[in-house]
Protein backbone atom coordinates (compact mmCIF):
# COMPACT_ATOMS: atom_id res chain seq x y z
CA MET A 1 -80.05 52.16 38.22
CA ASN A 2 -80.63 52.89 41.89
CA TYR A 3 -76.89 53.17 42.40
CA LEU A 4 -76.64 55.72 39.57
CA ILE A 5 -79.49 57.80 41.03
CA LYS A 6 -77.91 57.76 44.48
CA ARG A 7 -74.55 58.78 43.04
CA ARG A 8 -76.04 61.68 41.10
CA SER A 9 -78.07 62.75 44.15
CA ALA A 10 -74.95 62.72 46.32
CA THR A 11 -73.08 64.79 43.72
CA PHE A 12 -75.98 67.23 43.48
CA PHE A 13 -76.10 67.78 47.25
CA LYS A 14 -72.32 68.21 47.35
CA TYR A 15 -72.56 71.00 44.81
CA ILE A 16 -75.40 72.57 46.77
CA ALA A 17 -73.31 72.43 49.95
CA VAL A 18 -70.32 73.99 48.20
CA PHE A 19 -72.55 76.71 46.76
CA ILE A 20 -73.99 77.54 50.18
CA VAL A 21 -70.50 77.73 51.72
CA LEU A 22 -69.29 80.00 48.92
CA VAL A 23 -72.27 82.32 49.27
CA TRP A 24 -71.89 82.40 53.04
CA THR A 25 -68.19 83.22 52.71
CA LEU A 26 -68.18 85.62 49.77
CA PHE A 27 -71.43 87.54 50.32
CA PRO A 28 -70.01 89.80 53.09
CA LEU A 29 -67.10 90.69 50.80
CA TYR A 30 -69.48 91.43 47.95
CA TRP A 31 -71.70 93.58 50.20
CA MET A 32 -68.67 95.52 51.44
CA LEU A 33 -67.61 96.19 47.84
CA ASN A 34 -71.20 97.06 46.96
CA ASN A 35 -71.53 99.57 49.79
CA SER A 36 -68.23 101.21 48.96
CA PHE A 37 -69.72 102.54 45.68
CA LYS A 38 -73.08 103.65 47.11
CA THR A 39 -74.10 107.06 48.35
CA ARG A 40 -75.01 107.35 52.02
CA VAL A 41 -78.70 107.65 51.13
CA GLU A 42 -78.67 104.50 49.04
CA GLN A 43 -76.86 102.55 51.77
CA PHE A 44 -79.92 102.93 54.00
CA SER A 45 -82.54 102.45 51.30
CA ILE A 46 -85.36 99.98 51.93
CA PRO A 47 -85.40 97.50 50.33
CA PRO A 48 -81.61 97.39 49.98
CA THR A 49 -80.24 97.46 46.45
CA ALA A 50 -78.15 94.55 45.19
CA TYR A 51 -75.86 96.93 43.29
CA PRO A 52 -75.32 100.71 43.23
CA SER A 53 -77.89 102.53 41.11
CA ASN A 54 -75.56 105.53 40.80
CA PRO A 55 -71.99 104.33 41.49
CA THR A 56 -69.82 106.93 43.15
CA MET A 57 -66.19 107.20 44.22
CA GLU A 58 -66.94 109.67 47.01
CA ASN A 59 -66.28 107.10 49.73
CA TYR A 60 -62.78 106.41 48.41
CA VAL A 61 -62.12 110.11 47.95
CA ALA A 62 -63.17 110.73 51.56
CA LEU A 63 -60.68 108.13 52.74
CA PHE A 64 -57.70 109.97 51.28
CA THR A 65 -58.78 113.55 51.93
CA GLY A 66 -59.35 115.55 55.07
CA SER A 67 -58.60 114.08 58.47
CA MET A 68 -58.90 110.41 57.42
CA ASN A 69 -55.75 110.22 55.25
CA PHE A 70 -56.05 106.44 54.88
CA MET A 71 -52.70 106.20 53.11
CA ASN A 72 -50.85 106.49 56.45
CA PRO A 73 -52.59 103.48 58.07
CA LEU A 74 -51.95 101.44 54.91
CA LEU A 75 -48.24 102.26 54.96
CA ASN A 76 -48.01 101.66 58.71
CA SER A 77 -49.67 98.26 58.41
CA MET A 78 -47.41 97.28 55.52
CA ILE A 79 -44.25 98.30 57.39
CA VAL A 80 -45.26 96.61 60.63
CA ALA A 81 -46.77 93.43 59.16
CA PHE A 82 -44.07 92.75 56.56
CA SER A 83 -41.24 93.54 59.01
CA ALA A 84 -42.66 91.27 61.73
CA THR A 85 -43.25 88.52 59.18
CA ALA A 86 -39.74 88.72 57.72
CA ILE A 87 -38.03 88.73 61.13
CA SER A 88 -40.13 85.91 62.57
CA VAL A 89 -39.63 83.73 59.48
CA ILE A 90 -35.85 84.26 59.41
CA ILE A 91 -35.37 83.61 63.13
CA GLY A 92 -37.97 80.84 63.07
CA ALA A 93 -36.20 79.05 60.21
CA LEU A 94 -32.86 79.10 62.06
CA ALA A 95 -34.47 77.96 65.32
CA ALA A 96 -36.57 75.27 63.65
CA TYR A 97 -33.56 73.86 61.82
CA SER A 98 -31.58 73.71 65.05
CA LEU A 99 -34.41 72.02 66.92
CA SER A 100 -34.94 69.59 64.05
CA ARG A 101 -31.31 68.54 63.58
CA PHE A 102 -29.40 68.95 66.84
CA ARG A 103 -29.71 67.36 70.27
CA PHE A 104 -28.97 69.50 73.34
CA LYS A 105 -30.12 69.76 76.94
CA LEU A 106 -32.43 72.75 76.53
CA LYS A 107 -34.28 71.34 73.52
CA LEU A 108 -37.36 70.16 75.42
CA PRO A 109 -37.63 73.36 77.56
CA ILE A 110 -37.43 75.46 74.41
CA LEU A 111 -40.14 73.41 72.69
CA PHE A 112 -42.26 73.70 75.85
CA TRP A 113 -41.78 77.49 75.88
CA VAL A 114 -42.81 77.73 72.25
CA LEU A 115 -45.94 75.67 72.93
CA VAL A 116 -46.88 77.65 76.05
CA THR A 117 -46.51 80.92 74.17
CA LYS A 118 -49.10 79.72 71.66
CA VAL A 119 -51.47 78.42 74.35
CA PHE A 120 -52.00 81.77 76.09
CA PRO A 121 -54.39 84.17 74.34
CA PRO A 122 -52.77 87.46 73.27
CA VAL A 123 -54.91 89.53 75.64
CA THR A 124 -53.22 87.97 78.69
CA LEU A 125 -49.87 89.47 77.65
CA ALA A 126 -51.19 92.91 76.76
CA ILE A 127 -50.45 94.56 80.13
CA PRO A 128 -46.97 93.02 80.64
CA LEU A 129 -45.94 93.94 77.11
CA TYR A 130 -47.36 97.46 77.54
CA MET A 131 -45.31 97.95 80.72
CA ILE A 132 -42.17 96.67 79.00
CA MET A 133 -42.67 98.96 76.01
CA ALA A 134 -43.29 101.91 78.34
CA ASP A 135 -40.15 101.20 80.38
CA ILE A 136 -37.91 101.07 77.30
CA GLY A 137 -39.60 104.04 75.65
CA LEU A 138 -41.09 102.29 72.65
CA LEU A 139 -44.73 103.27 73.04
CA ASN A 140 -46.17 105.09 70.03
CA THR A 141 -43.59 103.57 67.69
CA ARG A 142 -43.87 101.02 64.93
CA LEU A 143 -41.06 99.05 66.56
CA ALA A 144 -43.31 98.33 69.55
CA LEU A 145 -45.86 96.66 67.30
CA ILE A 146 -43.21 94.76 65.35
CA LEU A 147 -41.72 93.33 68.56
CA ALA A 148 -45.16 92.50 69.96
CA TYR A 149 -46.19 90.68 66.79
CA ILE A 150 -42.94 88.72 66.74
CA VAL A 151 -43.81 87.40 70.21
CA PHE A 152 -46.77 85.55 68.66
CA THR A 153 -45.64 84.87 65.10
CA LEU A 154 -42.22 83.48 66.03
CA PRO A 155 -43.52 80.44 67.98
CA PHE A 156 -45.94 79.72 65.14
CA SER A 157 -43.09 79.93 62.65
CA ILE A 158 -40.96 77.52 64.67
CA TRP A 159 -43.71 74.93 65.04
CA MET A 160 -44.61 75.14 61.36
CA LEU A 161 -41.07 74.96 60.04
CA ILE A 162 -39.86 72.13 62.29
CA ASN A 163 -42.16 69.77 60.40
CA PHE A 164 -40.87 70.95 57.05
CA PHE A 165 -37.23 70.52 58.10
CA ASN A 166 -38.03 67.05 59.41
CA GLU A 167 -39.19 66.09 55.90
CA VAL A 168 -35.73 66.81 54.44
CA SER A 169 -33.56 63.70 54.39
CA ILE A 170 -30.49 64.05 56.59
CA GLU A 171 -28.47 62.05 54.05
CA ILE A 172 -28.55 65.05 51.73
CA GLU A 173 -26.88 67.20 54.39
CA GLU A 174 -24.33 64.52 55.21
CA SER A 175 -23.35 64.35 51.54
CA ALA A 176 -22.79 68.10 51.48
CA MET A 177 -20.72 67.96 54.68
CA ILE A 178 -18.52 65.22 53.21
CA ASP A 179 -17.76 67.66 50.38
CA GLY A 180 -16.56 70.18 52.98
CA ALA A 181 -19.64 72.36 53.52
CA SER A 182 -20.17 73.91 56.96
CA TYR A 183 -23.44 73.66 58.90
CA PHE A 184 -24.49 77.15 57.84
CA LYS A 185 -23.61 76.51 54.20
CA VAL A 186 -25.58 73.26 54.27
CA PHE A 187 -28.54 75.15 55.75
CA TYR A 188 -28.33 78.04 53.31
CA LYS A 189 -27.37 76.23 50.10
CA VAL A 190 -28.95 72.78 50.49
CA VAL A 191 -31.77 72.67 53.05
CA LEU A 192 -33.28 76.12 52.68
CA PRO A 193 -34.17 75.77 48.98
CA LEU A 194 -35.93 72.47 49.78
CA VAL A 195 -38.17 74.05 52.44
CA LEU A 196 -38.94 77.29 50.58
CA PRO A 197 -42.56 76.15 50.08
CA GLY A 198 -42.96 75.73 53.83
CA ILE A 199 -41.36 79.11 54.48
CA ALA A 200 -43.74 80.72 51.99
CA ALA A 201 -46.76 79.11 53.64
CA THR A 202 -45.58 80.23 57.08
CA ALA A 203 -44.95 83.77 55.85
CA ILE A 204 -48.47 84.04 54.45
CA PHE A 205 -50.11 82.97 57.70
CA ASN A 206 -47.86 85.27 59.73
CA LEU A 207 -48.58 88.22 57.46
CA ILE A 208 -52.34 87.72 57.72
CA LEU A 209 -52.08 87.48 61.51
CA ALA A 210 -50.00 90.66 61.82
CA TRP A 211 -52.06 92.57 59.25
CA ASN A 212 -55.38 91.93 61.00
CA GLU A 213 -54.18 92.41 64.60
CA PHE A 214 -56.20 95.04 66.45
CA LEU A 215 -55.66 94.87 70.23
CA TYR A 216 -51.97 95.72 70.44
CA ALA A 217 -52.22 98.31 67.69
CA LEU A 218 -54.95 100.02 69.71
CA ILE A 219 -53.08 99.87 73.03
CA PHE A 220 -49.50 100.65 71.96
CA ILE A 221 -50.22 103.40 69.43
CA GLN A 222 -51.94 106.63 70.46
CA ARG A 223 -50.54 108.94 67.78
CA PRO A 224 -52.95 109.32 64.83
CA GLY A 225 -50.14 109.23 62.26
CA LEU A 226 -49.01 105.75 63.36
CA THR A 227 -52.31 103.87 63.53
CA THR A 228 -52.74 100.70 61.50
CA VAL A 229 -55.58 99.75 59.18
CA PRO A 230 -57.79 97.87 61.71
CA VAL A 231 -57.61 100.72 64.23
CA SER A 232 -58.17 103.34 61.55
CA LEU A 233 -61.27 101.57 60.25
CA ALA A 234 -62.61 101.13 63.79
CA GLY A 235 -62.25 104.90 64.22
CA LEU A 236 -64.92 105.42 61.56
CA VAL A 237 -67.49 104.28 64.13
CA THR A 238 -68.12 107.54 65.97
CA GLU A 239 -70.51 108.45 68.76
CA HIS A 240 -72.77 110.24 66.28
CA GLN A 241 -72.72 108.00 63.23
CA VAL A 242 -71.09 105.06 61.48
CA LEU A 243 -69.38 105.99 58.23
CA TRP A 244 -70.38 102.84 56.36
CA GLY A 245 -69.23 104.05 52.95
CA PRO A 246 -65.64 104.99 53.83
CA MET A 247 -65.42 101.97 56.13
CA SER A 248 -66.44 99.66 53.27
CA GLY A 249 -63.98 101.36 50.93
CA GLY A 250 -61.21 101.02 53.49
CA GLY A 251 -62.04 97.36 53.94
CA VAL A 252 -61.77 96.77 50.20
CA LEU A 253 -58.42 98.56 50.00
CA SER A 254 -57.06 96.73 53.05
CA ILE A 255 -57.69 93.37 51.38
CA ILE A 256 -55.75 94.20 48.21
CA PRO A 257 -52.16 93.95 49.59
CA ILE A 258 -52.87 90.57 51.22
CA VAL A 259 -54.59 89.22 48.10
CA ILE A 260 -51.68 90.30 45.91
CA PHE A 261 -49.16 88.70 48.27
CA VAL A 262 -51.12 85.44 48.53
CA LEU A 263 -51.60 85.22 44.76
CA TRP A 264 -47.91 85.88 44.25
CA MET A 265 -47.04 83.09 46.68
CA GLN A 266 -49.90 80.79 45.68
CA ASP A 267 -47.76 78.07 44.11
CA TYR A 268 -45.46 78.00 47.11
CA LEU A 269 -48.45 77.93 49.47
CA VAL A 270 -50.00 74.88 47.82
CA LYS A 271 -46.68 73.05 47.66
CA GLY A 272 -45.93 73.99 51.25
CA LEU A 273 -49.22 72.73 52.64
CA THR A 274 -48.91 69.43 50.76
CA MET A 275 -45.19 68.92 51.25
CA GLY A 276 -44.55 65.52 52.77
CA SER A 277 -48.11 64.31 52.30
CA VAL A 278 -46.95 61.90 49.57
CA LYS A 279 -43.83 59.86 50.00
CA GLY A 280 -42.35 57.60 47.40
């Protein structure tokens, strides 16, 4: 009897803990969505309202009219983030496969370089990268951001994908080579389909990193038409007021592309994160 009570008590407290974590995590998102449909007067009402008494779309309308024109930052972020993600995953897959399968003299220095690149915080490379972009004339271009993001997403891609390639049995590749397949054909036709879950998981993390990046987007881009979503939303904090309504609406819209992409890749993400955890 005592054992049953203890077990039920433990289960009860687990559910309470999960509930608290969910509330702590989801409440800011709910409040952002809530504010996006409130008028400016209601946003500052005391006590605050749990839901809009008179829902309005004026905050979303303000985002896409006048000087805000939030569609440009959305398109810029999509171009930059998806391009950087695609390039880093493609190059990272080739590099990770080479580091996983082949032995050569520069293997350890390359692995050390990849690790060191991830150790340094991004802010330490802001000035050197800015000077490089200025010297080659890439400031105020999307290409500058794409190249800067690849600097940080590529090492992550390599480290992630090496483990996934290591999980693929080398006997499978040897069988394909006996049948006359080249190294590239083995990689493309045999190995790559087996590590697609890992590639999907890596792409999701890279996309989130590039989508939310603020520092380099603020430093490298000074033209209003090329700003990304984080910089555009930060611009709604002015010296006179904070536009909470449009900022909340922009935050809601900025989440949608990432949520759609993650849901689309959800099966691959789960399989990728658990790949190799069970061997039989």
